[in-house]
Amino acid sequence: MIFPLEKTVKFSGNIYEATVAASHRAYQLAMTKDERIEENDGKVVSLAAKQLFNEDIQYRRIEDK
C-alpha cells in the first residue's frame, strides 16, 4: 500500500493535525511490532496513514490548559 494520496487531497480537516496523528500512530505500530506492518511491506507510515484516512482509527486534539 502506498501513501493514500487521493484521500489526503480530499481530506477536509486540519492536515497538520492528521499528519501529527499519523506520525504518532506509526510510532505506536512500530513500538508494538504490529503484525500488520509486515503485511504492508514494512511501510509503517503508510499503514498509519491508511488507518487514519480510512477512519479505522480516530484521533482527538488535547487542548492546552
N, C-alpha and C. Protein backbone atom coordinates (compact mmCIF):
# COMPACT_ATOMS: atom_id res chain seq x y z
N MET A 1 0.85 -1.18 0.00
CA MET A 1 0.00 0.00 0.00
C MET A 1 0.89 1.23 0.00
N ILE A 2 0.69 2.06 -0.98
CA ILE A 2 1.40 3.33 -0.99
C ILE A 2 0.61 4.34 -0.17
N PHE A 3 1.20 5.47 0.07
CA PHE A 3 0.54 6.51 0.87
C PHE A 3 -0.77 6.90 0.20
N PRO A 4 -1.86 7.02 0.95
CA PRO A 4 -3.19 7.29 0.37
C PRO A 4 -3.35 8.75 -0.08
N LEU A 5 -2.70 9.10 -1.19
CA LEU A 5 -2.70 10.49 -1.64
C LEU A 5 -4.08 11.00 -2.00
N GLU A 6 -4.90 10.19 -2.66
CA GLU A 6 -6.23 10.64 -3.06
C GLU A 6 -7.07 11.04 -1.84
N LYS A 7 -7.03 10.22 -0.81
CA LYS A 7 -7.79 10.54 0.40
C LYS A 7 -7.18 11.73 1.13
N THR A 8 -5.88 11.90 1.02
CA THR A 8 -5.22 13.05 1.64
C THR A 8 -5.68 14.34 0.97
N VAL A 9 -5.76 14.32 -0.36
CA VAL A 9 -6.19 15.51 -1.10
C VAL A 9 -7.64 15.86 -0.77
N LYS A 10 -8.48 14.85 -0.62
CA LYS A 10 -9.90 15.08 -0.35
C LYS A 10 -10.19 15.36 1.13
N PHE A 11 -9.20 15.24 1.98
CA PHE A 11 -9.37 15.43 3.42
C PHE A 11 -9.75 16.88 3.69
N SER A 12 -10.83 17.07 4.45
CA SER A 12 -11.31 18.43 4.70
C SER A 12 -10.94 18.95 6.09
N GLY A 13 -10.31 18.12 6.90
CA GLY A 13 -9.91 18.54 8.24
C GLY A 13 -8.58 19.26 8.23
N ASN A 14 -8.02 19.43 9.40
CA ASN A 14 -6.73 20.08 9.56
C ASN A 14 -5.64 19.07 9.21
N ILE A 15 -4.98 19.27 8.08
CA ILE A 15 -3.99 18.30 7.59
C ILE A 15 -2.78 18.22 8.52
N TYR A 16 -2.44 19.31 9.20
CA TYR A 16 -1.34 19.28 10.15
C TYR A 16 -1.67 18.33 11.30
N GLU A 17 -2.88 18.44 11.85
CA GLU A 17 -3.30 17.54 12.92
C GLU A 17 -3.30 16.09 12.45
N ALA A 18 -3.79 15.86 11.24
CA ALA A 18 -3.83 14.50 10.70
C ALA A 18 -2.41 13.95 10.53
N THR A 19 -1.48 14.78 10.10
CA THR A 19 -0.09 14.35 9.93
C THR A 19 0.53 13.98 11.27
N VAL A 20 0.28 14.79 12.27
CA VAL A 20 0.80 14.50 13.61
C VAL A 20 0.18 13.21 14.14
N ALA A 21 -1.13 13.05 13.94
CA ALA A 21 -1.81 11.84 14.40
C ALA A 21 -1.25 10.60 13.70
N ALA A 22 -1.02 10.69 12.40
CA ALA A 22 -0.46 9.56 11.65
C ALA A 22 0.96 9.24 12.14
N SER A 23 1.72 10.28 12.44
CA SER A 23 3.07 10.08 12.95
C SER A 23 3.06 9.35 14.30
N HIS A 24 2.16 9.78 15.18
CA HIS A 24 2.04 9.13 16.49
C HIS A 24 1.57 7.68 16.33
N ARG A 25 0.64 7.46 15.40
CA ARG A 25 0.15 6.09 15.17
C ARG A 25 1.27 5.21 14.61
N ALA A 26 2.07 5.75 13.70
CA ALA A 26 3.19 4.99 13.15
C ALA A 26 4.16 4.59 14.26
N TYR A 27 4.40 5.50 15.18
CA TYR A 27 5.27 5.20 16.31
C TYR A 27 4.68 4.07 17.16
N GLN A 28 3.36 4.15 17.43
CA GLN A 28 2.69 3.09 18.20
C GLN A 28 2.84 1.73 17.51
N LEU A 29 2.59 1.72 16.21
CA LEU A 29 2.68 0.46 15.46
C LEU A 29 4.10 -0.10 15.51
N ALA A 30 5.09 0.76 15.33
CA ALA A 30 6.48 0.32 15.33
C ALA A 30 6.91 -0.21 16.70
N MET A 31 6.52 0.49 17.75
CA MET A 31 6.92 0.09 19.10
C MET A 31 6.26 -1.22 19.53
N THR A 32 5.07 -1.49 19.06
CA THR A 32 4.38 -2.73 19.42
C THR A 32 4.67 -3.86 18.44
N LYS A 33 5.47 -3.53 17.41
CA LYS A 33 5.83 -4.52 16.38
C LYS A 33 4.58 -5.21 15.83
N ASP A 34 3.61 -4.38 15.47
CA ASP A 34 2.32 -4.84 14.95
C ASP A 34 2.53 -5.71 13.71
N GLU A 35 1.84 -6.84 13.66
CA GLU A 35 1.99 -7.78 12.54
C GLU A 35 1.52 -7.20 11.21
N ARG A 36 0.66 -6.19 11.25
CA ARG A 36 0.17 -5.57 10.02
C ARG A 36 1.27 -4.82 9.28
N ILE A 37 2.35 -4.49 9.95
CA ILE A 37 3.47 -3.81 9.30
C ILE A 37 4.05 -4.70 8.21
N GLU A 38 4.28 -5.95 8.53
CA GLU A 38 4.83 -6.88 7.54
C GLU A 38 3.86 -7.12 6.39
N GLU A 39 2.57 -7.14 6.69
CA GLU A 39 1.56 -7.30 5.64
C GLU A 39 1.56 -6.09 4.70
N ASN A 40 2.10 -4.98 5.17
CA ASN A 40 2.17 -3.74 4.40
C ASN A 40 3.59 -3.49 3.91
N ASP A 41 4.34 -4.55 3.70
CA ASP A 41 5.72 -4.49 3.19
C ASP A 41 6.64 -3.64 4.05
N GLY A 42 6.38 -3.60 5.35
CA GLY A 42 7.25 -2.86 6.27
C GLY A 42 7.05 -1.36 6.27
N LYS A 43 6.04 -0.88 5.58
CA LYS A 43 5.81 0.56 5.45
C LYS A 43 4.87 1.03 6.56
N VAL A 44 5.45 1.37 7.67
CA VAL A 44 4.67 1.69 8.86
C VAL A 44 3.95 3.03 8.74
N VAL A 45 4.56 4.03 8.13
CA VAL A 45 3.91 5.33 7.99
C VAL A 45 2.72 5.23 7.03
N SER A 46 2.88 4.51 5.95
CA SER A 46 1.77 4.31 5.01
C SER A 46 0.62 3.57 5.68
N LEU A 47 0.94 2.58 6.49
CA LEU A 47 -0.10 1.85 7.22
C LEU A 47 -0.84 2.77 8.17
N ALA A 48 -0.10 3.59 8.90
CA ALA A 48 -0.73 4.53 9.83
C ALA A 48 -1.62 5.52 9.10
N ALA A 49 -1.15 6.05 7.98
CA ALA A 49 -1.94 7.00 7.20
C ALA A 49 -3.19 6.33 6.64
N LYS A 50 -3.04 5.11 6.16
CA LYS A 50 -4.18 4.37 5.64
C LYS A 50 -5.23 4.19 6.74
N GLN A 51 -4.80 3.80 7.93
CA GLN A 51 -5.73 3.62 9.04
C GLN A 51 -6.43 4.93 9.38
N LEU A 52 -5.70 6.02 9.37
CA LEU A 52 -6.27 7.31 9.71
C LEU A 52 -7.27 7.79 8.66
N PHE A 53 -6.89 7.76 7.40
CA PHE A 53 -7.75 8.29 6.35
C PHE A 53 -8.90 7.36 5.99
N ASN A 54 -8.78 6.08 6.31
CA ASN A 54 -9.91 5.15 6.13
C ASN A 54 -10.82 5.13 7.36
N GLU A 55 -10.44 5.95 8.35
CA GLU A 55 -11.18 6.07 9.61
C GLU A 55 -11.24 4.75 10.39
N ASP A 56 -10.19 3.93 10.24
CA ASP A 56 -10.05 2.73 11.06
C ASP A 56 -9.66 3.13 12.49
N ILE A 57 -9.00 4.26 12.60
CA ILE A 57 -8.64 4.82 13.90
C ILE A 57 -9.13 6.26 13.92
N GLN A 58 -9.27 6.80 15.12
CA GLN A 58 -9.67 8.19 15.27
C GLN A 58 -8.64 8.89 16.16
N TYR A 59 -8.57 10.17 16.02
CA TYR A 59 -7.70 10.94 16.89
C TYR A 59 -8.48 12.11 17.45
N ARG A 60 -7.98 12.65 18.53
CA ARG A 60 -8.59 13.84 19.09
C ARG A 60 -7.49 14.76 19.57
N ARG A 61 -7.76 16.00 19.52
CA ARG A 61 -6.81 17.00 19.94
C ARG A 61 -6.95 17.23 21.45
N ILE A 62 -5.85 17.23 22.14
CA ILE A 62 -5.83 17.52 23.57
C ILE A 62 -5.53 18.99 23.73
N GLU A 63 -6.48 19.71 24.26
CA GLU A 63 -6.35 21.16 24.42
C GLU A 63 -5.38 21.49 25.55
N ASP A 64 -4.61 22.56 25.36
CA ASP A 64 -3.76 23.07 26.42
C ASP A 64 -4.63 23.76 27.46
N LYS A 65 -4.23 23.65 28.72
CA LYS A 65 -4.99 24.31 29.78
C LYS A 65 -4.28 25.54 30.25
